[in-house]
Amino acid sequence: MTLLTITAYIIIPVYTILFAWGTNWFTLNFSVLGSLADRKNLFLLWGIIVGAYFYYVLKKIIRTLPRNKKEMVFTTLALLLLGLAVTIPYLPDSQPFHAVLHVFLSFAASISLMISLYLVTWKLTCMNQSVYRPYFISLMGITVVSVILFFLTGIVSSALEIFFVISSTFLLHKLYLKVCSPAISLRYQRF
């Protein structure tokens, strides 16, 4: 097992679930949990692990794509926004401006990541529909379930964040293995 596989299938899912363990997943979210004194550093570490993983793996995939500037811009933007979000406390009672800024940055990071994932999977699907169409469809499924979870609770809940992070991590890792496998790479080099 490589470090990327361990990170995708063990570290990120386990850490994500443990971070929200013992709380109500449908009424709280990571921002609230991350503002608690005993979970502040854990939230920062979670952001570093998830952000670094997504950035590294997406960057590897994006390098294989032609005309890839948009994909790289959105991936880098997602990392920067997430980094800022996890360092700005969500304390709406004592620091309302910082709380609003945190929410905006967190949301913008997620949207930037989704745009990057859609751009990457769409471009790969256009390049080889039989191989990459399932990834694009899976991403649409992740989006639909995320929207349903949002409307069920009316907030970006821990349940939504856990689902989105874990399912996106699995999808991205499978995509990475497909794109960076020697057979696929050799096939692209011949054309």
C-alpha atoms as a PDB file:
ATOM      1  CA  MET A   1       0.000   0.000   0.000  1.00  0.00           C
ATOM      2  CA  THR A   2       1.286   3.420  -0.887  1.00  0.00           C
ATOM      3  CA  LEU A   3       1.036   6.472   1.348  1.00  0.00           C
ATOM      4  CA  LEU A   4      -1.606   7.934  -0.986  1.00  0.00           C
ATOM      5  CA  THR A   5      -3.740   4.799  -0.688  1.00  0.00           C
ATOM      6  CA  ILE A   6      -3.384   4.743   3.096  1.00  0.00           C
ATOM      7  CA  THR A   7      -4.283   8.423   3.236  1.00  0.00           C
ATOM      8  CA  ALA A   8      -7.312   7.977   0.957  1.00  0.00           C
ATOM      9  CA  TYR A   9      -8.785   4.850   2.505  1.00  0.00           C
ATOM     10  CA  ILE A  10      -7.686   5.038   6.134  1.00  0.00           C
ATOM     11  CA  ILE A  11      -6.323   8.382   7.354  1.00  0.00           C
ATOM     12  CA  ILE A  12      -8.867  10.777   5.808  1.00  0.00           C
ATOM     13  CA  PRO A  13     -12.024   8.692   6.449  1.00  0.00           C
ATOM     14  CA  VAL A  14     -11.058   7.683   9.986  1.00  0.00           C
ATOM     15  CA  TYR A  15      -9.845  11.161  10.954  1.00  0.00           C
ATOM     16  CA  THR A  16     -12.926  12.804   9.423  1.00  0.00           C
ATOM     17  CA  ILE A  17     -15.321  10.525  11.295  1.00  0.00           C
ATOM     18  CA  LEU A  18     -13.382  10.710  14.568  1.00  0.00           C
ATOM     19  CA  PHE A  19     -13.293  14.514  14.372  1.00  0.00           C
ATOM     20  CA  ALA A  20     -17.099  14.605  14.535  1.00  0.00           C
ATOM     21  CA  TRP A  21     -17.420  11.590  16.841  1.00  0.00           C
ATOM     22  CA  GLY A  22     -19.703  12.050  19.815  1.00  0.00           C
ATOM     23  CA  THR A  23     -21.581  14.994  18.292  1.00  0.00           C
ATOM     24  CA  ASN A  24     -24.840  15.325  16.407  1.00  0.00           C
ATOM     25  CA  TRP A  25     -23.883  15.066  12.740  1.00  0.00           C
ATOM     26  CA  PHE A  26     -27.115  16.675  11.571  1.00  0.00           C
ATOM     27  CA  THR A  27     -27.169  19.790  13.774  1.00  0.00           C
ATOM     28  CA  LEU A  28     -23.473  20.690  13.993  1.00  0.00           C
ATOM     29  CA  ASN A  29     -20.731  21.127  11.439  1.00  0.00           C
ATOM     30  CA  PHE A  30     -16.949  21.139  11.285  1.00  0.00           C
ATOM     31  CA  SER A  31     -16.807  24.936  11.676  1.00  0.00           C
ATOM     32  CA  VAL A  32     -18.603  24.771  15.019  1.00  0.00           C
ATOM     33  CA  LEU A  33     -16.563  21.765  16.147  1.00  0.00           C
ATOM     34  CA  GLY A  34     -13.325  23.419  15.010  1.00  0.00           C
ATOM     35  CA  SER A  35     -14.078  26.470  17.133  1.00  0.00           C
ATOM     36  CA  LEU A  36     -14.153  24.393  20.324  1.00  0.00           C
ATOM     37  CA  ALA A  37     -10.956  24.757  22.327  1.00  0.00           C
ATOM     38  CA  ASP A  38     -10.283  21.003  22.504  1.00  0.00           C
ATOM     39  CA  ARG A  39     -10.792  20.503  18.740  1.00  0.00           C
ATOM     40  CA  LYS A  40      -9.193  23.646  17.291  1.00  0.00           C
ATOM     41  CA  ASN A  41      -5.810  22.061  16.526  1.00  0.00           C
ATOM     42  CA  LEU A  42      -7.488  18.854  15.353  1.00  0.00           C
ATOM     43  CA  PHE A  43      -9.507  20.948  12.867  1.00  0.00           C
ATOM     44  CA  LEU A  44      -6.361  22.629  11.586  1.00  0.00           C
ATOM     45  CA  LEU A  45      -4.639  19.243  11.169  1.00  0.00           C
ATOM     46  CA  TRP A  46      -7.707  17.848   9.385  1.00  0.00           C
ATOM     47  CA  GLY A  47      -7.630  20.793   6.964  1.00  0.00           C
ATOM     48  CA  ILE A  48      -3.927  20.280   6.279  1.00  0.00           C
ATOM     49  CA  ILE A  49      -4.332  16.541   5.609  1.00  0.00           C
ATOM     50  CA  VAL A  50      -7.403  16.880   3.387  1.00  0.00           C
ATOM     51  CA  GLY A  51      -6.135  19.979   1.577  1.00  0.00           C
ATOM     52  CA  ALA A  52      -2.677  18.531   0.918  1.00  0.00           C
ATOM     53  CA  TYR A  53      -4.114  15.233  -0.316  1.00  0.00           C
ATOM     54  CA  PHE A  54      -6.593  16.812  -2.719  1.00  0.00           C
ATOM     55  CA  TYR A  55      -4.053  19.309  -4.019  1.00  0.00           C
ATOM     56  CA  TYR A  56      -1.302  16.742  -4.556  1.00  0.00           C
ATOM     57  CA  VAL A  57      -3.493  14.145  -6.264  1.00  0.00           C
ATOM     58  CA  LEU A  58      -5.381  16.648  -8.412  1.00  0.00           C
ATOM     59  CA  LYS A  59      -2.102  18.258  -9.458  1.00  0.00           C
ATOM     60  CA  LYS A  60      -0.774  14.860 -10.590  1.00  0.00           C
ATOM     61  CA  ILE A  61      -3.936  14.210 -12.614  1.00  0.00           C
ATOM     62  CA  ILE A  62      -4.089  17.726 -14.056  1.00  0.00           C
ATOM     63  CA  ARG A  63      -0.508  17.461 -15.345  1.00  0.00           C
ATOM     64  CA  THR A  64      -1.704  14.732 -17.726  1.00  0.00           C
ATOM     65  CA  LEU A  65      -4.378  16.993 -19.247  1.00  0.00           C
ATOM     66  CA  PRO A  66      -3.965  19.295 -22.222  1.00  0.00           C
ATOM     67  CA  ARG A  67      -4.763  23.000 -21.710  1.00  0.00           C
ATOM     68  CA  ASN A  68      -4.982  22.544 -17.953  1.00  0.00           C
ATOM     69  CA  LYS A  69      -4.683  26.094 -16.555  1.00  0.00           C
ATOM     70  CA  LYS A  70      -8.312  26.390 -15.404  1.00  0.00           C
ATOM     71  CA  GLU A  71      -8.138  23.111 -13.543  1.00  0.00           C
ATOM     72  CA  MET A  72      -4.915  24.118 -11.794  1.00  0.00           C
ATOM     73  CA  VAL A  73      -6.269  27.564 -10.878  1.00  0.00           C
ATOM     74  CA  PHE A  74      -9.386  26.110  -9.229  1.00  0.00           C
ATOM     75  CA  THR A  75      -7.368  23.416  -7.433  1.00  0.00           C
ATOM     76  CA  THR A  76      -4.890  25.950  -6.055  1.00  0.00           C
ATOM     77  CA  LEU A  77      -7.716  28.310  -5.120  1.00  0.00           C
ATOM     78  CA  ALA A  78      -9.498  25.510  -3.233  1.00  0.00           C
ATOM     79  CA  LEU A  79      -6.341  24.775  -1.236  1.00  0.00           C
ATOM     80  CA  LEU A  80      -5.709  28.425  -0.389  1.00  0.00           C
ATOM     81  CA  LEU A  81      -9.322  29.052   0.616  1.00  0.00           C
ATOM     82  CA  LEU A  82      -9.408  25.920   2.787  1.00  0.00           C
ATOM     83  CA  GLY A  83      -6.141  26.951   4.426  1.00  0.00           C
ATOM     84  CA  LEU A  84      -7.558  30.350   5.278  1.00  0.00           C
ATOM     85  CA  ALA A  85     -10.880  28.903   6.449  1.00  0.00           C
ATOM     86  CA  VAL A  86      -9.362  26.495   8.962  1.00  0.00           C
ATOM     87  CA  THR A  87      -7.181  29.232  10.460  1.00  0.00           C
ATOM     88  CA  ILE A  88     -10.001  31.757  10.908  1.00  0.00           C
ATOM     89  CA  PRO A  89     -12.153  30.909  13.940  1.00  0.00           C
ATOM     90  CA  TYR A  90     -15.889  30.458  13.669  1.00  0.00           C
ATOM     91  CA  LEU A  91     -17.070  32.385  16.724  1.00  0.00           C
ATOM     92  CA  PRO A  92     -20.281  34.161  15.668  1.00  0.00           C
ATOM     93  CA  ASP A  93     -21.031  35.551  19.153  1.00  0.00           C
ATOM     94  CA  SER A  94     -17.661  37.139  19.892  1.00  0.00           C
ATOM     95  CA  GLN A  95     -16.208  37.583  16.380  1.00  0.00           C
ATOM     96  CA  PRO A  96     -19.104  37.895  13.912  1.00  0.00           C
ATOM     97  CA  PHE A  97     -16.997  39.243  11.027  1.00  0.00           C
ATOM     98  CA  HIS A  98     -14.490  36.404  11.326  1.00  0.00           C
ATOM     99  CA  ALA A  99     -17.364  33.907  11.496  1.00  0.00           C
ATOM    100  CA  VAL A 100     -18.903  35.228   8.271  1.00  0.00           C
ATOM    101  CA  LEU A 101     -15.478  35.241   6.613  1.00  0.00           C
ATOM    102  CA  HIS A 102     -14.887  31.650   7.768  1.00  0.00           C
ATOM    103  CA  VAL A 103     -18.231  30.508   6.316  1.00  0.00           C
ATOM    104  CA  PHE A 104     -17.566  32.310   3.018  1.00  0.00           C
ATOM    105  CA  LEU A 105     -14.052  30.858   2.695  1.00  0.00           C
ATOM    106  CA  SER A 106     -15.211  27.335   3.575  1.00  0.00           C
ATOM    107  CA  PHE A 107     -18.025  27.476   1.048  1.00  0.00           C
ATOM    108  CA  ALA A 108     -15.793  29.001  -1.634  1.00  0.00           C
ATOM    109  CA  ALA A 109     -13.153  26.295  -1.026  1.00  0.00           C
ATOM    110  CA  SER A 110     -15.752  23.559  -1.513  1.00  0.00           C
ATOM    111  CA  ILE A 111     -17.140  25.160  -4.663  1.00  0.00           C
ATOM    112  CA  SER A 112     -13.632  25.644  -6.086  1.00  0.00           C
ATOM    113  CA  LEU A 113     -12.849  21.992  -5.403  1.00  0.00           C
ATOM    114  CA  MET A 114     -16.097  20.875  -7.045  1.00  0.00           C
ATOM    115  CA  ILE A 115     -15.402  23.034 -10.107  1.00  0.00           C
ATOM    116  CA  SER A 116     -11.923  21.556 -10.375  1.00  0.00           C
ATOM    117  CA  LEU A 117     -13.258  18.004 -10.042  1.00  0.00           C
ATOM    118  CA  TYR A 118     -15.929  18.655 -12.669  1.00  0.00           C
ATOM    119  CA  LEU A 119     -13.436  20.236 -15.072  1.00  0.00           C
ATOM    120  CA  VAL A 120     -11.009  17.333 -14.654  1.00  0.00           C
ATOM    121  CA  THR A 121     -13.582  14.535 -14.934  1.00  0.00           C
ATOM    122  CA  TRP A 122     -15.337  16.229 -17.856  1.00  0.00           C
ATOM    123  CA  LYS A 123     -12.091  16.699 -19.767  1.00  0.00           C
ATOM    124  CA  LEU A 124     -11.071  13.098 -19.123  1.00  0.00           C
ATOM    125  CA  THR A 125     -14.529  11.912 -20.198  1.00  0.00           C
ATOM    126  CA  CYS A 126     -14.212  13.872 -23.434  1.00  0.00           C
ATOM    127  CA  MET A 127     -10.812  12.289 -24.024  1.00  0.00           C
ATOM    128  CA  ASN A 128     -11.964   8.714 -23.353  1.00  0.00           C
ATOM    129  CA  GLN A 129     -15.657   8.326 -22.629  1.00  0.00           C
ATOM    130  CA  SER A 130     -15.652   4.562 -22.076  1.00  0.00           C
ATOM    131  CA  VAL A 131     -13.011   4.812 -19.351  1.00  0.00           C
ATOM    132  CA  TYR A 132     -13.892   8.058 -17.557  1.00  0.00           C
ATOM    133  CA  ARG A 133     -17.655   8.482 -17.897  1.00  0.00           C
ATOM    134  CA  PRO A 134     -18.317   6.480 -14.687  1.00  0.00           C
ATOM    135  CA  TYR A 135     -16.154   8.945 -12.748  1.00  0.00           C
ATOM    136  CA  PHE A 136     -18.120  11.904 -14.072  1.00  0.00           C
ATOM    137  CA  ILE A 137     -21.410  10.173 -13.236  1.00  0.00           C
ATOM    138  CA  SER A 138     -20.095   9.333  -9.748  1.00  0.00           C
ATOM    139  CA  LEU A 139     -19.212  12.989  -9.207  1.00  0.00           C
ATOM    140  CA  MET A 140     -22.736  13.974 -10.212  1.00  0.00           C
ATOM    141  CA  GLY A 141     -24.036  11.407  -7.699  1.00  0.00           C
ATOM    142  CA  ILE A 142     -21.862  12.898  -4.958  1.00  0.00           C
ATOM    143  CA  THR A 143     -23.252  16.317  -5.828  1.00  0.00           C
ATOM    144  CA  VAL A 144     -26.876  15.124  -5.742  1.00  0.00           C
ATOM    145  CA  VAL A 145     -26.472  13.369  -2.377  1.00  0.00           C
ATOM    146  CA  SER A 146     -24.688  16.453  -0.976  1.00  0.00           C
ATOM    147  CA  VAL A 147     -27.565  18.687  -2.087  1.00  0.00           C
ATOM    148  CA  ILE A 148     -30.090  16.278  -0.546  1.00  0.00           C
ATOM    149  CA  LEU A 149     -28.172  16.259   2.757  1.00  0.00           C
ATOM    150  CA  PHE A 150     -28.101  20.060   2.691  1.00  0.00           C
ATOM    151  CA  PHE A 151     -31.852  20.342   2.167  1.00  0.00           C
ATOM    152  CA  LEU A 152     -32.618  17.655   4.775  1.00  0.00           C
ATOM    153  CA  THR A 153     -30.893  19.651   7.516  1.00  0.00           C
ATOM    154  CA  GLY A 154     -30.989  23.184   6.140  1.00  0.00           C
ATOM    155  CA  ILE A 155     -27.306  23.644   6.978  1.00  0.00           C
ATOM    156  CA  VAL A 156     -23.931  22.389   5.888  1.00  0.00           C
ATOM    157  CA  SER A 157     -23.916  19.677   8.547  1.00  0.00           C
ATOM    158  CA  SER A 158     -21.187  17.336   9.704  1.00  0.00           C
ATOM    159  CA  ALA A 159     -23.064  14.546   7.914  1.00  0.00           C
ATOM    160  CA  LEU A 160     -22.770  16.458   4.637  1.00  0.00           C
ATOM    161  CA  GLU A 161     -19.117  17.307   5.238  1.00  0.00           C
ATOM    162  CA  ILE A 162     -18.255  13.716   6.161  1.00  0.00           C
ATOM    163  CA  PHE A 163     -20.065  12.331   3.120  1.00  0.00           C
ATOM    164  CA  PHE A 164     -18.553  14.867   0.727  1.00  0.00           C
ATOM    165  CA  VAL A 165     -14.972  14.521   1.987  1.00  0.00           C
ATOM    166  CA  ILE A 166     -14.920  10.729   2.122  1.00  0.00           C
ATOM    167  CA  SER A 167     -16.753  10.091  -1.155  1.00  0.00           C
ATOM    168  CA  SER A 168     -14.695  12.724  -3.004  1.00  0.00           C
ATOM    169  CA  THR A 169     -11.486  11.258  -1.574  1.00  0.00           C
ATOM    170  CA  PHE A 170     -12.430   7.759  -2.770  1.00  0.00           C
ATOM    171  CA  LEU A 171     -13.437   9.059  -6.205  1.00  0.00           C
ATOM    172  CA  LEU A 172     -10.273  11.107  -6.588  1.00  0.00           C
ATOM    173  CA  HIS A 173      -8.041   8.216  -5.535  1.00  0.00           C
ATOM    174  CA  LYS A 174      -9.696   5.821  -7.991  1.00  0.00           C
ATOM    175  CA  LEU A 175      -9.368   8.470 -10.712  1.00  0.00           C
ATOM    176  CA  TYR A 176      -5.716   9.001  -9.825  1.00  0.00           C
ATOM    177  CA  LEU A 177      -5.014   5.276 -10.071  1.00  0.00           C
ATOM    178  CA  LYS A 178      -6.753   5.123 -13.459  1.00  0.00           C
ATOM    179  CA  VAL A 179      -5.074   8.209 -14.937  1.00  0.00           C
ATOM    180  CA  CYS A 180      -1.610   7.469 -13.606  1.00  0.00           C
ATOM    181  CA  SER A 181      -1.578   3.739 -14.329  1.00  0.00           C
ATOM    182  CA  PRO A 182       1.161   2.745 -16.791  1.00  0.00           C
ATOM    183  CA  ALA A 183      -1.289   1.261 -19.341  1.00  0.00           C
ATOM    184  CA  ILE A 184      -3.313   4.476 -19.572  1.00  0.00           C
ATOM    185  CA  SER A 185      -0.206   6.666 -19.624  1.00  0.00           C
ATOM    186  CA  LEU A 186       1.322   4.643 -22.487  1.00  0.00           C
ATOM    187  CA  ARG A 187      -1.935   4.812 -24.430  1.00  0.00           C
ATOM    188  CA  TYR A 188      -1.968   8.638 -24.178  1.00  0.00           C
ATOM    189  CA  GLN A 189       1.689   8.843 -25.228  1.00  0.00           C
ATOM    190  CA  ARG A 190       1.021   6.975 -28.476  1.00  0.00           C
ATOM    191  CA  PHE A 191      -1.541   9.502 -29.683  1.00  0.00           C
END
